[in-house]
All heavy atoms as atom14 arrays in JSON, in Angstrom:
{
  "sequence": "EMLQSEISPIVILDKKNSRAHDHISSLHTLGCMVPYTGLHHLLF",
  "atom14_mask": [
    [1, 1, 1, 1, 1, 1, 1, 1, 1, 0, 0, 0, 0, 0],
    [1, 1, 1, 1, 1, 1, 1, 1, 0, 0, 0, 0, 0, 0],
    [1, 1, 1, 1, 1, 1, 1, 1, 0, 0, 0, 0, 0, 0],
    [1, 1, 1, 1, 1, 1, 1, 1, 1, 0, 0, 0, 0, 0],
    [1, 1, 1, 1, 1, 1, 0, 0, 0, 0, 0, 0, 0, 0],
    [1, 1, 1, 1, 1, 1, 1, 1, 1, 0, 0, 0, 0, 0],
    [1, 1, 1, 1, 1, 1, 1, 1, 0, 0, 0, 0, 0, 0],
    [1, 1, 1, 1, 1, 1, 0, 0, 0, 0, 0, 0, 0, 0],
    [1, 1, 1, 1, 1, 1, 1, 0, 0, 0, 0, 0, 0, 0],
    [1, 1, 1, 1, 1, 1, 1, 1, 0, 0, 0, 0, 0, 0],
    [1, 1, 1, 1, 1, 1, 1, 0, 0, 0, 0, 0, 0, 0],
    [1, 1, 1, 1, 1, 1, 1, 1, 0, 0, 0, 0, 0, 0],
    [1, 1, 1, 1, 1, 1, 1, 1, 0, 0, 0, 0, 0, 0],
    [1, 1, 1, 1, 1, 1, 1, 1, 0, 0, 0, 0, 0, 0],
    [1, 1, 1, 1, 1, 1, 1, 1, 1, 0, 0, 0, 0, 0],
    [1, 1, 1, 1, 1, 1, 1, 1, 1, 0, 0, 0, 0, 0],
    [1, 1, 1, 1, 1, 1, 1, 1, 0, 0, 0, 0, 0, 0],
    [1, 1, 1, 1, 1, 1, 0, 0, 0, 0, 0, 0, 0, 0],
    [1, 1, 1, 1, 1, 1, 1, 1, 1, 1, 1, 0, 0, 0],
    [1, 1, 1, 1, 1, 0, 0, 0, 0, 0, 0, 0, 0, 0],
    [1, 1, 1, 1, 1, 1, 1, 1, 1, 1, 0, 0, 0, 0],
    [1, 1, 1, 1, 1, 1, 1, 1, 0, 0, 0, 0, 0, 0],
    [1, 1, 1, 1, 1, 1, 1, 1, 1, 1, 0, 0, 0, 0],
    [1, 1, 1, 1, 1, 1, 1, 1, 0, 0, 0, 0, 0, 0],
    [1, 1, 1, 1, 1, 1, 0, 0, 0, 0, 0, 0, 0, 0],
    [1, 1, 1, 1, 1, 1, 0, 0, 0, 0, 0, 0, 0, 0],
    [1, 1, 1, 1, 1, 1, 1, 1, 0, 0, 0, 0, 0, 0],
    [1, 1, 1, 1, 1, 1, 1, 1, 1, 1, 0, 0, 0, 0],
    [1, 1, 1, 1, 1, 1, 1, 0, 0, 0, 0, 0, 0, 0],
    [1, 1, 1, 1, 1, 1, 1, 1, 0, 0, 0, 0, 0, 0],
    [1, 1, 1, 1, 0, 0, 0, 0, 0, 0, 0, 0, 0, 0],
    [1, 1, 1, 1, 1, 1, 0, 0, 0, 0, 0, 0, 0, 0],
    [1, 1, 1, 1, 1, 1, 1, 1, 0, 0, 0, 0, 0, 0],
    [1, 1, 1, 1, 1, 1, 1, 0, 0, 0, 0, 0, 0, 0],
    [1, 1, 1, 1, 1, 1, 1, 0, 0, 0, 0, 0, 0, 0],
    [1, 1, 1, 1, 1, 1, 1, 1, 1, 1, 1, 1, 0, 0],
    [1, 1, 1, 1, 1, 1, 1, 0, 0, 0, 0, 0, 0, 0],
    [1, 1, 1, 1, 0, 0, 0, 0, 0, 0, 0, 0, 0, 0],
    [1, 1, 1, 1, 1, 1, 1, 1, 0, 0, 0, 0, 0, 0],
    [1, 1, 1, 1, 1, 1, 1, 1, 1, 1, 0, 0, 0, 0],
    [1, 1, 1, 1, 1, 1, 1, 1, 1, 1, 0, 0, 0, 0],
    [1, 1, 1, 1, 1, 1, 1, 1, 0, 0, 0, 0, 0, 0],
    [1, 1, 1, 1, 1, 1, 1, 1, 0, 0, 0, 0, 0, 0],
    [1, 1, 1, 1, 1, 1, 1, 1, 1, 1, 1, 0, 0, 0]
  ],
  "atom14_positions": [
    [[2.36, 11.31, -3.62], [2.34, 12.4, -2.65], [1.35, 12.11, -1.53], [1.64, 12.35, -0.35], [2.0, 13.72, -3.34], [3.14, 14.33, -4.14], [2.86, 15.75, -4.59], [1.66, 16.1, -4.72], [3.83, 16.5, -4.8], [0.0, 0.0, 0.0], [0.0, 0.0, 0.0], [0.0, 0.0, 0.0], [0.0, 0.0, 0.0], [0.0, 0.0, 0.0]],
    [[0.17, 11.61, -1.9], [-0.84, 11.29, -0.89], [-0.36, 10.17, 0.01], [-0.55, 10.21, 1.23], [-2.16, 10.91, -1.58], [-3.26, 10.46, -0.62], [-3.69, 11.67, 0.66], [-4.6, 12.86, -0.33], [0.0, 0.0, 0.0], [0.0, 0.0, 0.0], [0.0, 0.0, 0.0], [0.0, 0.0, 0.0], [0.0, 0.0, 0.0], [0.0, 0.0, 0.0]],
    [[0.27, 9.18, -0.56], [0.78, 8.03, 0.18], [1.72, 8.48, 1.29], [1.7, 7.93, 2.4], [1.49, 7.09, -0.78], [1.76, 5.65, -0.36], [0.45, 4.88, -0.26], [2.67, 4.97, -1.37], [0.0, 0.0, 0.0], [0.0, 0.0, 0.0], [0.0, 0.0, 0.0], [0.0, 0.0, 0.0], [0.0, 0.0, 0.0], [0.0, 0.0, 0.0]],
    [[2.54, 9.49, 1.01], [3.56, 9.95, 1.95], [3.15, 11.2, 2.72], [3.96, 11.75, 3.46], [4.87, 10.25, 1.19], [5.43, 9.05, 0.46], [6.68, 9.41, -0.3], [7.8, 9.19, 0.15], [6.51, 9.98, -1.48], [0.0, 0.0, 0.0], [0.0, 0.0, 0.0], [0.0, 0.0, 0.0], [0.0, 0.0, 0.0], [0.0, 0.0, 0.0]],
    [[1.92, 11.64, 2.56], [1.46, 12.86, 3.2], [1.23, 12.63, 4.69], [1.36, 11.51, 5.2], [0.15, 13.33, 2.57], [-0.9, 12.42, 2.89], [0.0, 0.0, 0.0], [0.0, 0.0, 0.0], [0.0, 0.0, 0.0], [0.0, 0.0, 0.0], [0.0, 0.0, 0.0], [0.0, 0.0, 0.0], [0.0, 0.0, 0.0], [0.0, 0.0, 0.0]],
    [[0.87, 13.7, 5.4], [0.56, 13.57, 6.82], [-0.67, 12.69, 7.05], [-0.88, 12.16, 8.14], [0.36, 14.95, 7.47], [-0.88, 15.7, 7.03], [-0.68, 16.5, 5.76], [0.4, 16.37, 5.14], [-1.59, 17.25, 5.37], [0.0, 0.0, 0.0], [0.0, 0.0, 0.0], [0.0, 0.0, 0.0], [0.0, 0.0, 0.0], [0.0, 0.0, 0.0]],
    [[-1.5, 12.52, 6.01], [-2.68, 11.65, 6.12], [-2.27, 10.19, 6.02], [-2.78, 9.34, 6.75], [-3.71, 12.0, 5.03], [-4.2, 13.44, 5.22], [-4.89, 11.03, 5.05], [-5.01, 13.98, 4.06], [0.0, 0.0, 0.0], [0.0, 0.0, 0.0], [0.0, 0.0, 0.0], [0.0, 0.0, 0.0], [0.0, 0.0, 0.0], [0.0, 0.0, 0.0]],
    [[-1.37, 9.88, 5.1], [-0.86, 8.52, 4.9], [-1.97, 7.46, 4.86], [-1.97, 6.52, 5.66], [0.16, 8.15, 5.98], [1.34, 8.88, 5.82], [0.0, 0.0, 0.0], [0.0, 0.0, 0.0], [0.0, 0.0, 0.0], [0.0, 0.0, 0.0], [0.0, 0.0, 0.0], [0.0, 0.0, 0.0], [0.0, 0.0, 0.0], [0.0, 0.0, 0.0]],
    [[-2.92, 7.6, 3.95], [-4.0, 6.62, 3.9], [-3.59, 5.36, 3.17], [-2.48, 5.26, 2.63], [-5.06, 7.37, 3.08], [-4.24, 8.18, 2.11], [-3.02, 8.61, 2.89], [0.0, 0.0, 0.0], [0.0, 0.0, 0.0], [0.0, 0.0, 0.0], [0.0, 0.0, 0.0], [0.0, 0.0, 0.0], [0.0, 0.0, 0.0], [0.0, 0.0, 0.0]],
    [[-4.48, 4.39, 3.15], [-4.37, 3.28, 2.22], [-4.78, 3.81, 0.85], [-5.85, 4.39, 0.71], [-5.27, 2.11, 2.63], [-4.85, 1.55, 3.99], [-5.27, 1.02, 1.56], [-5.85, 0.55, 4.58], [0.0, 0.0, 0.0], [0.0, 0.0, 0.0], [0.0, 0.0, 0.0], [0.0, 0.0, 0.0], [0.0, 0.0, 0.0], [0.0, 0.0, 0.0]],
    [[-3.92, 3.64, -0.14], [-4.23, 4.09, -1.5], [-4.43, 2.86, -2.37], [-3.55, 1.99, -2.44], [-3.1, 4.98, -2.06], [-3.46, 5.47, -3.47], [-2.85, 6.18, -1.14], [0.0, 0.0, 0.0], [0.0, 0.0, 0.0], [0.0, 0.0, 0.0], [0.0, 0.0, 0.0], [0.0, 0.0, 0.0], [0.0, 0.0, 0.0], [0.0, 0.0, 0.0]],
    [[-5.58, 2.76, -3.01], [-5.87, 1.65, -3.89], [-5.22, 1.92, -5.25], [-5.54, 2.91, -5.91], [-7.39, 1.43, -4.08], [-8.09, 1.33, -2.72], [-7.66, 0.2, -4.94], [-7.67, 0.16, -1.89], [0.0, 0.0, 0.0], [0.0, 0.0, 0.0], [0.0, 0.0, 0.0], [0.0, 0.0, 0.0], [0.0, 0.0, 0.0], [0.0, 0.0, 0.0]],
    [[-4.3, 1.06, -5.65], [-3.5, 1.28, -6.85], [-3.66, 0.12, -7.82], [-3.83, -1.03, -7.41], [-2.02, 1.42, -6.47], [-1.67, 2.57, -5.51], [-0.25, 2.39, -4.97], [-1.8, 3.91, -6.22], [0.0, 0.0, 0.0], [0.0, 0.0, 0.0], [0.0, 0.0, 0.0], [0.0, 0.0, 0.0], [0.0, 0.0, 0.0], [0.0, 0.0, 0.0]],
    [[-3.6, 0.43, -9.11], [-3.6, -0.63, -10.12], [-2.25, -1.34, -10.11], [-1.19, -0.69, -10.07], [-3.84, -0.03, -11.51], [-5.26, 0.47, -11.69], [-6.12, 0.15, -10.85], [-5.5, 1.21, -12.66], [0.0, 0.0, 0.0], [0.0, 0.0, 0.0], [0.0, 0.0, 0.0], [0.0, 0.0, 0.0], [0.0, 0.0, 0.0], [0.0, 0.0, 0.0]],
    [[-2.28, -2.66, -10.15], [-1.05, -3.43, -10.25], [-0.45, -3.27, -11.65], [-1.17, -3.1, -12.63], [-1.32, -4.92, -10.02], [-1.95, -5.29, -8.7], [-2.31, -6.78, -8.71], [-3.05, -7.22, -7.48], [-3.52, -8.62, -7.58], [0.0, 0.0, 0.0], [0.0, 0.0, 0.0], [0.0, 0.0, 0.0], [0.0, 0.0, 0.0], [0.0, 0.0, 0.0]],
    [[0.86, -3.34, -11.75], [1.5, -3.36, -13.07], [1.18, -4.68, -13.78], [0.97, -4.7, -14.99], [3.01, -3.17, -12.93], [3.4, -1.74, -12.62], [4.91, -1.56, -12.57], [5.27, -0.1, -12.34], [6.74, 0.1, -12.2], [0.0, 0.0, 0.0], [0.0, 0.0, 0.0], [0.0, 0.0, 0.0], [0.0, 0.0, 0.0], [0.0, 0.0, 0.0]],
    [[1.14, -5.74, -13.02], [0.71, -7.05, -13.53], [-0.57, -7.4, -12.78], [-0.54, -7.69, -11.59], [1.79, -8.09, -13.31], [1.37, -9.49, -13.75], [0.21, -9.71, -14.12], [2.29, -10.43, -13.69], [0.0, 0.0, 0.0], [0.0, 0.0, 0.0], [0.0, 0.0, 0.0], [0.0, 0.0, 0.0], [0.0, 0.0, 0.0], [0.0, 0.0, 0.0]],
    [[-1.7, -7.36, -13.48], [-3.0, -7.51, -12.8], [-3.15, -8.85, -12.09], [-3.98, -8.98, -11.2], [-4.13, -7.32, -13.81], [-4.08, -8.3, -14.82], [0.0, 0.0, 0.0], [0.0, 0.0, 0.0], [0.0, 0.0, 0.0], [0.0, 0.0, 0.0], [0.0, 0.0, 0.0], [0.0, 0.0, 0.0], [0.0, 0.0, 0.0], [0.0, 0.0, 0.0]],
    [[-2.33, -9.84, -12.48], [-2.44, -11.15, -11.85], [-1.42, -11.36, -10.74], [-1.41, -12.41, -10.08], [-2.26, -12.25, -12.91], [-3.36, -12.25, -13.97], [-3.2, -13.4, -14.93], [-4.24, -13.44, -15.94], [-4.34, -14.36, -16.89], [-3.43, -15.33, -16.96], [-5.33, -14.33, -17.76], [0.0, 0.0, 0.0], [0.0, 0.0, 0.0], [0.0, 0.0, 0.0]],
    [[-0.58, -10.39, -10.53], [0.46, -10.52, -9.49], [-0.15, -10.41, -8.1], [-1.21, -9.8, -7.9], [1.52, -9.45, -9.68], [0.0, 0.0, 0.0], [0.0, 0.0, 0.0], [0.0, 0.0, 0.0], [0.0, 0.0, 0.0], [0.0, 0.0, 0.0], [0.0, 0.0, 0.0], [0.0, 0.0, 0.0], [0.0, 0.0, 0.0], [0.0, 0.0, 0.0]],
    [[0.52, -11.03, -7.14], [0.16, -10.93, -5.73], [-1.28, -11.33, -5.46], [-1.98, -10.73, -4.64], [0.42, -9.5, -5.21], [1.78, -8.97, -5.57], [2.95, -9.53, -5.11], [2.15, -7.94, -6.4], [3.98, -8.87, -5.62], [3.52, -7.91, -6.4], [0.0, 0.0, 0.0], [0.0, 0.0, 0.0], [0.0, 0.0, 0.0], [0.0, 0.0, 0.0]],
    [[-1.72, -12.39, -6.16], [-3.09, -12.87, -5.98], [-3.36, -13.35, -4.56], [-4.51, -13.4, -4.12], [-3.38, -14.01, -6.97], [-3.77, -13.49, -8.34], [-3.78, -12.26, -8.52], [-4.03, -14.3, -9.24], [0.0, 0.0, 0.0], [0.0, 0.0, 0.0], [0.0, 0.0, 0.0], [0.0, 0.0, 0.0], [0.0, 0.0, 0.0], [0.0, 0.0, 0.0]],
    [[-2.3, -13.75, -3.85], [-2.49, -14.2, -2.48], [-2.88, -13.04, -1.56], [-3.42, -13.27, -0.47], [-1.22, -14.88, -1.95], [0.0, -13.99, -1.97], [0.59, -13.55, -3.13], [0.72, -13.45, -0.95], [1.63, -12.79, -2.84], [1.73, -12.72, -1.54], [0.0, 0.0, 0.0], [0.0, 0.0, 0.0], [0.0, 0.0, 0.0], [0.0, 0.0, 0.0]],
    [[-2.62, -11.81, -2.0], [-3.02, -10.63, -1.24], [-4.35, -10.1, -1.76], [-5.27, -9.82, -1.0], [-1.96, -9.51, -1.35], [-0.6, -10.01, -0.9], [-2.39, -8.3, -0.51], [0.52, -9.02, -1.18], [0.0, 0.0, 0.0], [0.0, 0.0, 0.0], [0.0, 0.0, 0.0], [0.0, 0.0, 0.0], [0.0, 0.0, 0.0], [0.0, 0.0, 0.0]],
    [[-4.45, -9.95, -3.07], [-5.65, -9.43, -3.71], [-5.82, -10.1, -5.06], [-4.93, -10.03, -5.91], [-5.55, -7.91, -3.88], [-6.56, -7.43, -4.74], [0.0, 0.0, 0.0], [0.0, 0.0, 0.0], [0.0, 0.0, 0.0], [0.0, 0.0, 0.0], [0.0, 0.0, 0.0], [0.0, 0.0, 0.0], [0.0, 0.0, 0.0], [0.0, 0.0, 0.0]],
    [[-6.98, -10.72, -5.27], [-7.27, -11.34, -6.56], [-7.8, -10.32, -7.57], [-8.07, -10.65, -8.72], [-8.3, -12.46, -6.39], [-9.52, -11.94, -5.88], [0.0, 0.0, 0.0], [0.0, 0.0, 0.0], [0.0, 0.0, 0.0], [0.0, 0.0, 0.0], [0.0, 0.0, 0.0], [0.0, 0.0, 0.0], [0.0, 0.0, 0.0], [0.0, 0.0, 0.0]],
    [[-7.96, -9.07, -7.13], [-8.39, -7.99, -8.02], [-7.19, -7.44, -8.78], [-6.04, -7.81, -8.51], [-9.06, -6.88, -7.21], [-10.23, -7.3, -6.3], [-10.73, -6.11, -5.5], [-11.36, -7.91, -7.12], [0.0, 0.0, 0.0], [0.0, 0.0, 0.0], [0.0, 0.0, 0.0], [0.0, 0.0, 0.0], [0.0, 0.0, 0.0], [0.0, 0.0, 0.0]],
    [[-7.45, -6.5, -9.69], [-6.35, -5.87, -10.43], [-5.73, -4.72, -9.65], [-4.84, -4.04, -10.13], [-6.86, -5.36, -11.78], [-7.79, -4.18, -11.68], [-9.09, -4.29, -11.22], [-7.61, -2.87, -11.97], [-9.66, -3.11, -11.23], [-8.8, -2.23, -11.67], [0.0, 0.0, 0.0], [0.0, 0.0, 0.0], [0.0, 0.0, 0.0], [0.0, 0.0, 0.0]],
    [[-6.22, -4.53, -8.43], [-5.74, -3.44, -7.58], [-5.12, -3.98, -6.3], [-5.34, -5.13, -5.92], [-6.9, -2.5, -7.22], [-7.93, -3.27, -6.56], [-7.46, -1.82, -8.45], [0.0, 0.0, 0.0], [0.0, 0.0, 0.0], [0.0, 0.0, 0.0], [0.0, 0.0, 0.0], [0.0, 0.0, 0.0], [0.0, 0.0, 0.0], [0.0, 0.0, 0.0]],
    [[-4.37, -3.1, -5.65], [-3.69, -3.44, -4.4], [-3.79, -2.23, -3.47], [-3.46, -1.11, -3.87], [-2.23, -3.77, -4.69], [-1.41, -4.53, -3.65], [-2.03, -5.89, -3.35], [0.02, -4.71, -4.14], [0.0, 0.0, 0.0], [0.0, 0.0, 0.0], [0.0, 0.0, 0.0], [0.0, 0.0, 0.0], [0.0, 0.0, 0.0], [0.0, 0.0, 0.0]],
    [[-4.27, -2.46, -2.25], [-4.35, -1.38, -1.26], [-3.02, -1.23, -0.53], [-2.6, -2.15, 0.18], [0.0, 0.0, 0.0], [0.0, 0.0, 0.0], [0.0, 0.0, 0.0], [0.0, 0.0, 0.0], [0.0, 0.0, 0.0], [0.0, 0.0, 0.0], [0.0, 0.0, 0.0], [0.0, 0.0, 0.0], [0.0, 0.0, 0.0], [0.0, 0.0, 0.0]],
    [[-2.38, -0.08, -0.7], [-1.02, 0.11, -0.16], [-0.95, 1.31, 0.78], [-1.59, 2.35, 0.54], [-0.03, 0.34, -1.3], [0.06, -0.99, -2.51], [0.0, 0.0, 0.0], [0.0, 0.0, 0.0], [0.0, 0.0, 0.0], [0.0, 0.0, 0.0], [0.0, 0.0, 0.0], [0.0, 0.0, 0.0], [0.0, 0.0, 0.0], [0.0, 0.0, 0.0]],
    [[-0.17, 1.19, 1.82], [0.21, 2.32, 2.66], [1.66, 2.17, 3.07], [2.23, 1.08, 2.98], [-0.7, 2.44, 3.88], [-0.74, 1.22, 4.78], [-1.85, 1.47, 6.2], [-2.14, -0.23, 6.72], [0.0, 0.0, 0.0], [0.0, 0.0, 0.0], [0.0, 0.0, 0.0], [0.0, 0.0, 0.0], [0.0, 0.0, 0.0], [0.0, 0.0, 0.0]],
    [[2.24, 3.29, 3.48], [3.63, 3.28, 3.95], [3.63, 3.41, 5.47], [2.61, 3.78, 6.07], [4.44, 4.43, 3.31], [4.55, 4.26, 1.8], [3.82, 5.79, 3.65], [0.0, 0.0, 0.0], [0.0, 0.0, 0.0], [0.0, 0.0, 0.0], [0.0, 0.0, 0.0], [0.0, 0.0, 0.0], [0.0, 0.0, 0.0], [0.0, 0.0, 0.0]],
    [[4.74, 3.08, 6.14], [4.81, 3.28, 7.59], [4.46, 4.72, 7.95], [4.98, 5.65, 7.33], [6.27, 2.95, 7.91], [6.69, 2.01, 6.82], [5.98, 2.47, 5.6], [0.0, 0.0, 0.0], [0.0, 0.0, 0.0], [0.0, 0.0, 0.0], [0.0, 0.0, 0.0], [0.0, 0.0, 0.0], [0.0, 0.0, 0.0], [0.0, 0.0, 0.0]],
    [[3.56, 4.89, 8.94], [3.13, 6.26, 9.28], [3.27, 6.59, 10.77], [2.93, 7.7, 11.18], [1.7, 6.52, 8.81], [0.64, 5.61, 9.4], [0.09, 5.87, 10.66], [0.15, 4.52, 8.7], [-0.9, 5.07, 11.2], [-0.83, 3.7, 9.22], [-1.36, 3.98, 10.48], [-2.34, 3.17, 11.01], [0.0, 0.0, 0.0], [0.0, 0.0, 0.0]],
    [[3.76, 5.66, 11.56], [4.05, 5.95, 12.97], [5.49, 5.57, 13.27], [6.12, 4.81, 12.52], [3.13, 5.17, 13.92], [3.48, 3.78, 13.87], [1.66, 5.34, 13.57], [0.0, 0.0, 0.0], [0.0, 0.0, 0.0], [0.0, 0.0, 0.0], [0.0, 0.0, 0.0], [0.0, 0.0, 0.0], [0.0, 0.0, 0.0], [0.0, 0.0, 0.0]],
    [[5.98, 6.05, 14.39], [7.32, 5.68, 14.8], [7.47, 4.18, 14.95], [8.5, 3.6, 14.58], [0.0, 0.0, 0.0], [0.0, 0.0, 0.0], [0.0, 0.0, 0.0], [0.0, 0.0, 0.0], [0.0, 0.0, 0.0], [0.0, 0.0, 0.0], [0.0, 0.0, 0.0], [0.0, 0.0, 0.0], [0.0, 0.0, 0.0], [0.0, 0.0, 0.0]],
    [[6.44, 3.54, 15.48], [6.48, 2.08, 15.64], [6.65, 1.39, 14.29], [7.47, 0.48, 14.15], [5.2, 1.61, 16.34], [5.14, 0.15, 16.82], [4.13, 0.01, 17.95], [4.75, -0.79, 15.69], [0.0, 0.0, 0.0], [0.0, 0.0, 0.0], [0.0, 0.0, 0.0], [0.0, 0.0, 0.0], [0.0, 0.0, 0.0], [0.0, 0.0, 0.0]],
    [[5.88, 1.85, 13.29], [5.99, 1.24, 11.95], [7.39, 1.43, 11.36], [7.96, 0.49, 10.78], [4.96, 1.86, 11.0], [3.54, 1.64, 11.41], [2.55, 2.57, 11.2], [2.95, 0.58, 12.01], [1.4, 2.09, 11.64], [1.62, 0.89, 12.15], [0.0, 0.0, 0.0], [0.0, 0.0, 0.0], [0.0, 0.0, 0.0], [0.0, 0.0, 0.0]],
    [[7.92, 2.64, 11.48], [9.26, 2.91, 10.93], [10.31, 2.02, 11.59], [11.2, 1.48, 10.92], [9.61, 4.39, 11.11], [8.88, 5.31, 10.18], [9.2, 5.42, 8.85], [7.85, 6.17, 10.4], [8.4, 6.32, 8.28], [7.58, 6.78, 9.2], [0.0, 0.0, 0.0], [0.0, 0.0, 0.0], [0.0, 0.0, 0.0], [0.0, 0.0, 0.0]],
    [[10.2, 1.88, 12.9], [11.15, 1.04, 13.62], [10.98, -0.44, 13.24], [11.97, -1.17, 13.07], [10.96, 1.21, 15.13], [11.47, 2.54, 15.69], [10.9, 2.8, 17.08], [13.0, 2.56, 15.73], [0.0, 0.0, 0.0], [0.0, 0.0, 0.0], [0.0, 0.0, 0.0], [0.0, 0.0, 0.0], [0.0, 0.0, 0.0], [0.0, 0.0, 0.0]],
    [[9.74, -0.87, 13.09], [9.48, -2.26, 12.71], [10.1, -2.58, 11.35], [10.78, -3.6, 11.18], [7.96, -2.5, 12.68], [7.49, -3.93, 12.39], [8.01, -4.91, 13.44], [5.96, -3.97, 12.34], [0.0, 0.0, 0.0], [0.0, 0.0, 0.0], [0.0, 0.0, 0.0], [0.0, 0.0, 0.0], [0.0, 0.0, 0.0], [0.0, 0.0, 0.0]],
    [[9.91, -1.68, 10.39], [10.46, -1.92, 9.05], [11.98, -1.82, 9.02], [12.62, -2.4, 8.14], [9.83, -0.97, 8.03], [8.59, -1.53, 7.4], [7.38, -1.53, 8.09], [8.61, -2.09, 6.14], [6.24, -2.06, 7.54], [7.48, -2.63, 5.57], [6.28, -2.62, 6.26], [0.0, 0.0, 0.0], [0.0, 0.0, 0.0], [0.0, 0.0, 0.0]]
  ]
}
């Protein structure tokens, strides 16, 4: 809900596989946000 709210912050989330996506984050967490502007929506 927070991810998709009008605030649309970066939400630090635990990975399902703590070793996945090490090229992005070597931690067990991943900072995620969704498109929050018209430009982002159009880009995606």
